[in-house]
Amino acid sequence: MTSGAADFEALLREAFAPVEPSADLARRLELTLISLTELAQEELESWELSSMRDPRNWVRPAAAVVVGAGAGGALVLLRVRNRHRARRQQSSSLTELAERTLADLSAEARRILPRRS
């Protein structure tokens, strides 16, 4: 009976072993998020305020806001996460790591948000 339990445990360990994603997965994900963010920005720039009087016209801008915010937020997190290992090595304490991470989040969000004139 113990042999069966050991085999079962070995099968579980093999099934739950971490799998490394392909090398270009992060790059493809980043390109997709950039594309979604840009498309949402273009959609929001193209709508006219006068057409917003009719509630039927609210769907596209609302969807663009949701998609743009989601893709932009995910893009910020992806880029900050990619630089986390370097920040961890540069930081001498947990507080310094948190400060560097927050500064990186802020800088990346400013880079992604559309510039208003």
Protein backbone atom coordinates (compact mmCIF):
# COMPACT_ATOMS: atom_id res chain seq x y z
CA MET A 1 0.00 0.00 0.00
CA THR A 2 2.86 2.40 0.71
CA SER A 3 4.19 1.85 -2.80
CA GLY A 4 0.87 3.05 -4.23
CA ALA A 5 0.94 6.14 -2.00
CA ALA A 6 4.52 6.91 -3.03
CA ASP A 7 3.59 6.53 -6.70
CA PHE A 8 0.62 8.82 -6.19
CA GLU A 9 2.79 11.43 -4.47
CA ALA A 10 5.35 11.22 -7.28
CA LEU A 11 2.59 11.70 -9.85
CA LEU A 12 1.27 14.72 -7.92
CA ARG A 13 4.77 16.24 -7.69
CA GLU A 14 5.24 15.77 -11.42
CA ALA A 15 1.80 17.20 -12.23
CA PHE A 16 2.31 20.30 -10.08
CA ALA A 17 5.91 20.98 -11.09
CA PRO A 18 6.39 24.60 -12.15
CA VAL A 19 6.44 25.17 -15.89
CA GLU A 20 8.57 27.95 -17.30
CA PRO A 21 6.77 30.00 -19.97
CA SER A 22 8.39 30.43 -23.35
CA ALA A 23 10.98 33.19 -23.61
CA ASP A 24 8.92 35.41 -25.86
CA LEU A 25 5.62 35.02 -23.98
CA ALA A 26 6.23 38.14 -21.89
CA ARG A 27 7.11 40.14 -25.00
CA ARG A 28 3.99 38.95 -26.87
CA LEU A 29 1.84 39.74 -23.82
CA GLU A 30 3.38 43.21 -23.56
CA LEU A 31 2.77 43.89 -27.27
CA THR A 32 -0.86 42.77 -26.94
CA LEU A 33 -1.41 45.00 -23.90
CA ILE A 34 0.20 47.96 -25.69
CA SER A 35 -2.06 47.38 -28.68
CA LEU A 36 -5.19 47.18 -26.51
CA THR A 37 -4.24 50.34 -24.63
CA GLU A 38 -3.60 52.28 -27.85
CA LEU A 39 -6.85 51.07 -29.43
CA ALA A 40 -8.81 52.14 -26.35
CA GLN A 41 -7.14 55.56 -26.39
CA GLU A 42 -7.96 56.01 -30.08
CA GLU A 43 -11.58 55.04 -29.44
CA LEU A 44 -11.89 57.55 -26.61
CA GLU A 45 -10.28 60.30 -28.67
CA SER A 46 -12.70 59.70 -31.54
CA TRP A 47 -16.01 60.05 -29.66
CA GLU A 48 -17.79 63.35 -29.60
CA LEU A 49 -19.32 64.86 -26.51
CA SER A 50 -22.48 65.90 -28.37
CA SER A 51 -23.30 62.28 -29.19
CA MET A 52 -23.22 61.35 -25.49
CA ARG A 53 -26.69 62.75 -24.89
CA ASP A 54 -28.14 59.46 -26.08
CA PRO A 55 -27.40 56.64 -23.57
CA ARG A 56 -27.17 54.13 -26.44
CA ASN A 57 -23.91 55.81 -27.42
CA TRP A 58 -22.31 55.21 -24.01
CA VAL A 59 -21.38 51.56 -24.62
CA ARG A 60 -18.31 52.05 -26.82
CA PRO A 61 -16.65 54.73 -24.68
CA ALA A 62 -17.43 52.78 -21.51
CA ALA A 63 -15.94 49.62 -23.02
CA ALA A 64 -12.90 51.60 -24.16
CA VAL A 65 -12.39 52.93 -20.62
CA VAL A 66 -12.63 49.44 -19.11
CA VAL A 67 -10.35 47.82 -21.70
CA GLY A 68 -7.86 50.68 -21.64
CA ALA A 69 -7.68 50.80 -17.86
CA GLY A 70 -7.35 47.02 -17.57
CA ALA A 71 -4.71 46.70 -20.28
CA GLY A 72 -2.82 49.77 -19.06
CA GLY A 73 -2.81 48.53 -15.47
CA ALA A 74 -1.67 45.07 -16.53
CA LEU A 75 1.07 46.61 -18.68
CA VAL A 76 2.34 48.69 -15.75
CA LEU A 77 2.38 45.63 -13.48
CA LEU A 78 4.09 43.47 -16.10
CA ARG A 79 6.87 45.99 -16.66
CA VAL A 80 7.37 46.64 -12.94
CA ARG A 81 7.43 42.90 -12.24
CA ASN A 82 10.06 42.37 -14.94
CA ARG A 83 12.38 44.84 -13.17
CA HIS A 84 11.66 43.51 -9.67
CA ARG A 85 14.69 41.20 -9.45
CA ALA A 86 17.11 44.04 -10.23
CA ARG A 87 15.43 46.32 -7.67
CA ARG A 88 15.61 43.57 -5.06
CA GLN A 89 19.37 43.23 -5.58
CA GLN A 90 19.89 47.01 -5.41
CA SER A 91 17.86 47.42 -2.20
CA SER A 92 19.42 46.95 1.19
CA SER A 93 16.13 46.66 3.11
CA LEU A 94 12.49 45.82 2.60
CA THR A 95 11.55 49.49 3.04
CA GLU A 96 13.98 50.57 0.35
CA LEU A 97 12.63 47.84 -1.98
CA ALA A 98 9.07 49.08 -1.39
CA GLU A 99 10.10 52.67 -2.09
CA ARG A 100 11.89 51.67 -5.31
CA THR A 101 8.89 49.59 -6.42
CA LEU A 102 6.44 52.44 -5.77
CA ALA A 103 8.67 54.89 -7.63
CA ASP A 104 8.88 52.45 -10.53
CA LEU A 105 5.08 52.00 -10.54
CA SER A 106 4.60 55.75 -10.61
CA ALA A 107 7.14 56.31 -13.39
CA GLU A 108 5.71 53.52 -15.53
CA ALA A 109 2.13 54.75 -15.07
CA ARG A 110 3.21 58.24 -16.19
CA ARG A 111 4.83 56.73 -19.27
CA ILE A 112 1.67 54.86 -20.26
CA LEU A 113 -0.98 57.47 -19.50
CA PRO A 114 -1.84 59.64 -22.48
CA ARG A 115 -0.30 63.08 -22.39
CA ARG A 116 -2.82 65.90 -22.22
CA SER A 117 -1.96 69.31 -23.60
